[in-house]
Amino acid sequence: MIDLKNIQVVNGSQTIHSLYEAFLEDSSKFSDIEILCRICEVRDSSLSTRIAEYTNSQNPVKSRDIRSVDSIQLSLEKEFFVDENFYERKKNQYADKPLSQRIDAEKAGQVLMAFFNRSPYEAKNRKGLIFGDKYEEVFNEEVNANKVWLAYSLFEKIESAKNRIKSEIVSDQSLFKSKSYIIHASYYILYVMGELARRKKIDLKYSNFQQIWDLYQDAVTVIETTIAKEQKAIGQKYTHSAFFRSNKSKKYFEDLEEAELIDLLNLNGEGS
């Protein structure tokens, strides 16, 4: 006799739903039923995750639910819990906790991808990669709660700034043409802030949060410069939504010469 505790259905939701519907129809038939299952005993948690991912070799499962039992996800949850914050390995795992203390794993993956992995395009437009093909790159062995909290908190402040600007646009429609790009640019701003911090040799850790946040306006200036370059290149065909669905903003930034960048940020009044 084997007792299974805290089991998780990974691949078989159709069967589960069929059983549930049958149970609702006549629960008396469920007093003694048998369901075929496979039990694998392992001592390596990473191996158990890989087994779950590739049990169906024709359609390997790579989802947030599968990754939720990965050792890194479990470790992040424990780290955040020490400071009474709640890392949600699964969506709405801590729905009963204050929103300000909850860290969503998918959003954490997006901000890590933009800030530490230098991939704002993927973070914004291809977030399915986070728990799929890019998982080991995003949630690598160097990721810890400090890094997640830094990128996550910076992004939250970027979003707050975006919402303030959106309110200004609503109040003054003349700002729409010059400021509406902000609706699309959050992950690119986060990426540029990380790059500027690296150039200034600021360690990317939470204790330097304020120093890195002070680079926000410089990052905005850089983003506006990349927009201007694209508008000059393609003229009236330009749209903010299309521009930030591409990786062009990053490419324009990478192409900026150091002297040009310094001049640009000095004009902004906050450069080095």
Protein backbone atom coordinates (compact mmCIF):
# COMPACT_ATOMS: atom_id res chain seq x y z
CA MET A 1 0.00 0.00 0.00
CA ILE A 2 1.36 3.43 -0.98
CA ASP A 3 -0.09 6.65 0.40
CA LEU A 4 0.35 9.72 -1.83
CA LYS A 5 0.20 13.20 -0.29
CA ASN A 6 0.10 16.66 -1.92
CA ILE A 7 -0.22 15.18 -5.39
CA GLN A 8 -0.51 17.47 -8.41
CA VAL A 9 -2.22 16.74 -11.71
CA VAL A 10 0.17 17.72 -14.50
CA ASN A 11 -1.10 16.15 -17.68
CA GLY A 12 -4.61 14.77 -17.57
CA SER A 13 -7.04 17.60 -16.95
CA GLN A 14 -9.53 16.11 -19.42
CA THR A 15 -9.68 12.91 -17.37
CA ILE A 16 -10.09 14.86 -14.14
CA HIS A 17 -12.94 16.93 -15.56
CA SER A 18 -14.66 13.80 -16.86
CA LEU A 19 -14.39 12.19 -13.42
CA TYR A 20 -15.77 15.34 -11.79
CA GLU A 21 -18.77 15.43 -14.11
CA ALA A 22 -19.42 11.73 -13.47
CA PHE A 23 -19.16 12.33 -9.73
CA LEU A 24 -21.75 15.10 -9.91
CA GLU A 25 -24.04 12.80 -11.86
CA ASP A 26 -23.81 9.87 -9.41
CA SER A 27 -21.34 10.08 -6.53
CA SER A 28 -22.35 6.65 -5.21
CA LYS A 29 -20.33 5.03 -7.97
CA PHE A 30 -17.15 6.60 -6.58
CA SER A 31 -17.01 4.61 -3.35
CA ASP A 32 -14.43 2.26 -4.85
CA ILE A 33 -12.73 3.22 -8.10
CA GLU A 34 -9.34 2.55 -9.63
CA ILE A 35 -7.28 5.02 -11.68
CA LEU A 36 -4.11 4.03 -13.48
CA CYS A 37 -1.09 6.12 -12.44
CA ARG A 38 2.68 6.02 -12.65
CA ILE A 39 4.77 6.44 -9.49
CA CYS A 40 8.46 7.37 -9.73
CA GLU A 41 10.56 7.49 -6.56
CA VAL A 42 13.45 9.95 -6.82
CA ARG A 43 15.69 11.76 -4.37
CA ASP A 44 16.67 14.56 -6.75
CA SER A 45 13.94 17.23 -6.96
CA SER A 46 15.30 18.52 -10.27
CA LEU A 47 14.93 15.03 -11.73
CA SER A 48 11.30 14.83 -10.63
CA THR A 49 10.63 18.10 -12.44
CA ARG A 50 12.24 16.82 -15.63
CA ILE A 51 10.21 13.60 -15.45
CA ALA A 52 7.02 15.66 -15.20
CA GLU A 53 8.08 17.82 -18.14
CA TYR A 54 8.93 15.02 -20.52
CA THR A 55 6.58 12.19 -19.57
CA ASN A 56 4.67 12.94 -22.75
CA SER A 57 7.56 12.95 -25.22
CA GLN A 58 5.38 13.99 -28.16
CA ASN A 59 4.12 17.09 -26.38
CA PRO A 60 6.46 17.97 -23.50
CA VAL A 61 4.73 20.02 -20.84
CA LYS A 62 6.50 23.28 -20.01
CA SER A 63 4.26 25.39 -17.89
CA ARG A 64 4.26 27.54 -14.82
CA ASP A 65 2.56 24.76 -12.84
CA ILE A 66 5.30 22.29 -13.73
CA ARG A 67 8.04 24.76 -12.84
CA SER A 68 6.31 25.65 -9.57
CA VAL A 69 7.91 22.62 -7.89
CA ASP A 70 11.37 23.44 -9.23
CA SER A 71 13.98 23.89 -6.50
CA ILE A 72 14.63 27.53 -7.45
CA GLN A 73 10.94 28.41 -7.24
CA LEU A 74 10.64 26.72 -3.84
CA SER A 75 13.78 28.48 -2.64
CA LEU A 76 12.48 31.90 -3.73
CA GLU A 77 9.22 31.29 -1.90
CA LYS A 78 11.11 30.49 1.31
CA GLU A 79 13.44 33.48 0.94
CA PHE A 80 10.59 35.94 0.48
CA PHE A 81 8.62 34.41 3.34
CA VAL A 82 11.43 35.36 5.76
CA ASP A 83 10.57 39.02 5.12
CA GLU A 84 6.83 38.32 5.25
CA ASN A 85 6.44 38.59 1.51
CA PHE A 86 4.70 35.95 -0.57
CA TYR A 87 6.23 34.62 -3.76
CA GLU A 88 3.45 33.06 -5.82
CA ARG A 89 4.89 30.02 -7.57
CA LYS A 90 1.36 29.39 -8.82
CA LYS A 91 -1.05 32.05 -10.00
CA ASN A 92 -2.96 33.61 -7.07
CA GLN A 93 -1.33 31.19 -4.65
CA TYR A 94 -1.57 33.79 -1.89
CA ALA A 95 -4.76 35.52 -2.96
CA ASP A 96 -5.70 36.07 0.69
CA LYS A 97 -2.56 38.14 1.37
CA PRO A 98 -2.12 41.90 0.78
CA LEU A 99 -1.34 42.65 -2.85
CA SER A 100 1.64 44.80 -1.83
CA GLN A 101 3.30 41.72 -0.29
CA ARG A 102 2.71 39.34 -3.20
CA ILE A 103 5.28 38.64 -5.92
CA ASP A 104 3.90 36.89 -8.98
CA ALA A 105 6.34 34.33 -10.43
CA GLU A 106 5.48 35.15 -14.05
CA LYS A 107 5.95 38.87 -13.51
CA ALA A 108 9.18 38.10 -11.65
CA GLY A 109 10.36 36.17 -14.69
CA GLN A 110 9.51 39.06 -16.99
CA VAL A 111 11.41 41.66 -14.97
CA LEU A 112 14.39 39.34 -14.51
CA MET A 113 14.43 38.74 -18.26
CA ALA A 114 14.40 42.48 -19.03
CA PHE A 115 16.77 43.65 -16.30
CA PHE A 116 19.29 40.86 -15.74
CA ASN A 117 19.03 38.93 -19.00
CA ARG A 118 18.91 42.12 -21.08
CA SER A 119 15.95 40.90 -23.10
CA PRO A 120 13.17 43.52 -22.94
CA TYR A 121 11.57 42.38 -26.19
CA GLU A 122 11.11 38.83 -24.94
CA ALA A 123 9.98 40.05 -21.52
CA LYS A 124 7.24 42.17 -23.07
CA ASN A 125 6.20 40.15 -26.09
CA ARG A 126 7.21 36.52 -25.52
CA LYS A 127 6.63 35.82 -21.85
CA GLY A 128 5.74 32.22 -22.67
CA LEU A 129 9.49 31.61 -22.92
CA ILE A 130 9.92 32.28 -19.19
CA PHE A 131 8.63 28.90 -18.08
CA GLY A 132 9.53 27.29 -21.39
CA ASP A 133 12.73 27.35 -23.41
CA LYS A 134 14.33 30.25 -21.50
CA TYR A 135 13.55 29.02 -18.00
CA GLU A 136 17.10 27.94 -17.09
CA GLU A 137 18.46 31.28 -18.34
CA VAL A 138 15.95 33.42 -16.44
CA PHE A 139 15.74 31.44 -13.21
CA ASN A 140 19.37 30.40 -13.11
CA GLU A 141 21.41 29.38 -10.06
CA GLU A 142 22.40 33.00 -9.36
CA VAL A 143 18.81 34.19 -8.96
CA ASN A 144 17.73 34.95 -5.41
CA ALA A 145 15.07 37.00 -3.64
CA ASN A 146 17.32 40.08 -3.56
CA LYS A 147 17.63 40.15 -7.35
CA VAL A 148 13.95 39.46 -7.91
CA TRP A 149 12.93 42.15 -5.43
CA LEU A 150 15.23 44.73 -7.03
CA ALA A 151 13.92 44.20 -10.58
CA TYR A 152 10.34 43.77 -9.39
CA SER A 153 10.38 46.95 -7.27
CA LEU A 154 11.98 49.01 -10.04
CA PHE A 155 9.31 47.81 -12.45
CA GLU A 156 6.55 48.69 -10.00
CA LYS A 157 7.89 52.25 -9.77
CA ILE A 158 8.16 52.45 -13.55
CA GLU A 159 4.52 51.38 -13.77
CA SER A 160 3.51 53.98 -11.19
CA ALA A 161 5.27 56.67 -13.22
CA LYS A 162 3.51 55.40 -16.33
CA ASN A 163 0.13 55.65 -14.64
CA ARG A 164 0.85 59.24 -13.57
CA ILE A 165 1.73 60.17 -17.15
CA LYS A 166 -1.39 58.42 -18.45
CA SER A 167 -3.45 60.56 -16.06
CA GLU A 168 -1.70 63.68 -17.34
CA ILE A 169 -2.52 62.69 -20.92
CA VAL A 170 -6.17 62.21 -20.02
CA SER A 171 -6.19 65.70 -18.51
CA ASP A 172 -4.28 67.26 -21.41
CA GLN A 173 -4.77 65.57 -24.78
CA SER A 174 -2.00 67.68 -26.33
CA LEU A 175 0.49 65.44 -24.49
CA PHE A 176 -0.69 62.31 -26.28
CA LYS A 177 1.64 62.57 -29.28
CA SER A 178 4.79 63.12 -27.23
CA LYS A 179 4.06 60.96 -24.17
CA SER A 180 1.82 58.06 -25.18
CA TYR A 181 4.83 55.83 -25.91
CA ILE A 182 5.08 55.36 -22.13
CA ILE A 183 2.14 52.93 -22.31
CA HIS A 184 4.35 50.45 -24.19
CA ALA A 185 7.85 51.11 -22.88
CA SER A 186 8.07 49.82 -19.29
CA TYR A 187 10.25 46.76 -19.94
CA TYR A 188 12.54 48.76 -22.21
CA ILE A 189 12.93 51.47 -19.57
CA LEU A 190 13.79 48.78 -17.01
CA TYR A 191 16.34 47.31 -19.40
CA VAL A 192 18.02 50.67 -20.05
CA MET A 193 18.16 51.44 -16.32
CA GLY A 194 20.04 48.19 -15.82
CA GLU A 195 22.45 49.00 -18.64
CA LEU A 196 23.11 52.51 -17.32
CA ALA A 197 23.72 51.09 -13.83
CA ARG A 198 26.25 48.66 -15.26
CA ARG A 199 28.04 51.48 -17.08
CA LYS A 200 28.19 53.44 -13.84
CA LYS A 201 29.48 50.30 -12.09
CA ILE A 202 26.56 50.19 -9.67
CA ASP A 203 26.10 46.71 -8.27
CA LEU A 204 22.70 45.31 -9.21
CA LYS A 205 21.48 44.55 -5.72
CA TYR A 206 18.57 45.86 -3.69
CA SER A 207 20.71 47.93 -1.33
CA ASN A 208 21.46 50.14 -4.37
CA PHE A 209 17.81 50.51 -5.29
CA GLN A 210 17.72 54.31 -4.95
CA GLN A 211 20.89 54.79 -6.99
CA ILE A 212 19.44 52.70 -9.78
CA TRP A 213 16.03 54.34 -9.58
CA ASP A 214 17.74 57.74 -9.92
CA LEU A 215 18.60 56.63 -13.46
CA TYR A 216 14.93 56.54 -14.44
CA GLN A 217 14.86 59.92 -16.18
CA ASP A 218 18.06 59.14 -18.05
CA ALA A 219 16.50 55.87 -19.23
CA VAL A 220 13.39 57.73 -20.40
CA THR A 221 15.60 60.14 -22.34
CA VAL A 222 17.35 57.21 -24.01
CA ILE A 223 14.03 55.61 -24.95
CA GLU A 224 12.77 58.89 -26.42
CA THR A 225 15.98 59.11 -28.43
CA THR A 226 15.48 55.63 -29.88
CA ILE A 227 11.92 56.59 -30.82
CA ALA A 228 13.18 59.70 -32.60
CA LYS A 229 15.69 57.62 -34.56
CA GLU A 230 13.00 55.19 -35.70
CA GLN A 231 10.60 57.99 -36.60
CA LYS A 232 13.33 59.57 -38.71
CA ALA A 233 14.03 56.21 -40.38
CA ILE A 234 10.48 55.24 -41.35
CA GLY A 235 8.51 58.49 -41.17
CA GLN A 236 4.72 58.40 -40.98
CA LYS A 237 4.58 54.62 -40.84
CA TYR A 238 5.86 54.78 -37.27
CA THR A 239 3.60 53.70 -34.39
CA HIS A 240 4.55 53.22 -30.74
CA SER A 241 2.79 49.86 -30.51
CA ALA A 242 4.68 48.41 -33.49
CA PHE A 243 8.01 49.84 -32.34
CA PHE A 244 7.80 48.24 -28.90
CA ARG A 245 6.61 44.94 -30.36
CA SER A 246 10.05 44.78 -31.98
CA ASN A 247 13.57 44.82 -30.56
CA LYS A 248 14.55 48.03 -32.35
CA SER A 249 14.67 50.20 -29.23
CA LYS A 250 17.34 47.93 -27.74
CA LYS A 251 19.28 47.87 -31.00
CA TYR A 252 19.27 51.66 -31.28
CA PHE A 253 20.50 51.90 -27.69
CA GLU A 254 23.28 49.38 -28.30
CA ASP A 255 24.36 51.39 -31.35
CA LEU A 256 24.72 54.62 -29.37
CA GLU A 257 28.37 55.62 -29.14
CA GLU A 258 29.62 56.27 -25.61
CA ALA A 259 30.27 59.95 -26.40
CA GLU A 260 26.80 60.32 -27.88
CA LEU A 261 25.25 58.75 -24.80
CA ILE A 262 27.20 61.00 -22.44
CA ASP A 263 26.21 64.10 -24.42
CA LEU A 264 22.61 62.95 -24.45
CA LEU A 265 22.41 62.43 -20.70
CA ASN A 266 24.31 65.62 -19.92
CA LEU A 267 21.67 67.49 -21.94
CA ASN A 268 19.14 65.82 -19.65
CA GLY A 269 20.94 67.30 -16.66
CA GLU A 270 21.54 63.99 -14.90
CA GLY A 271 24.30 62.28 -16.84
CA SER A 272 27.82 61.60 -15.72
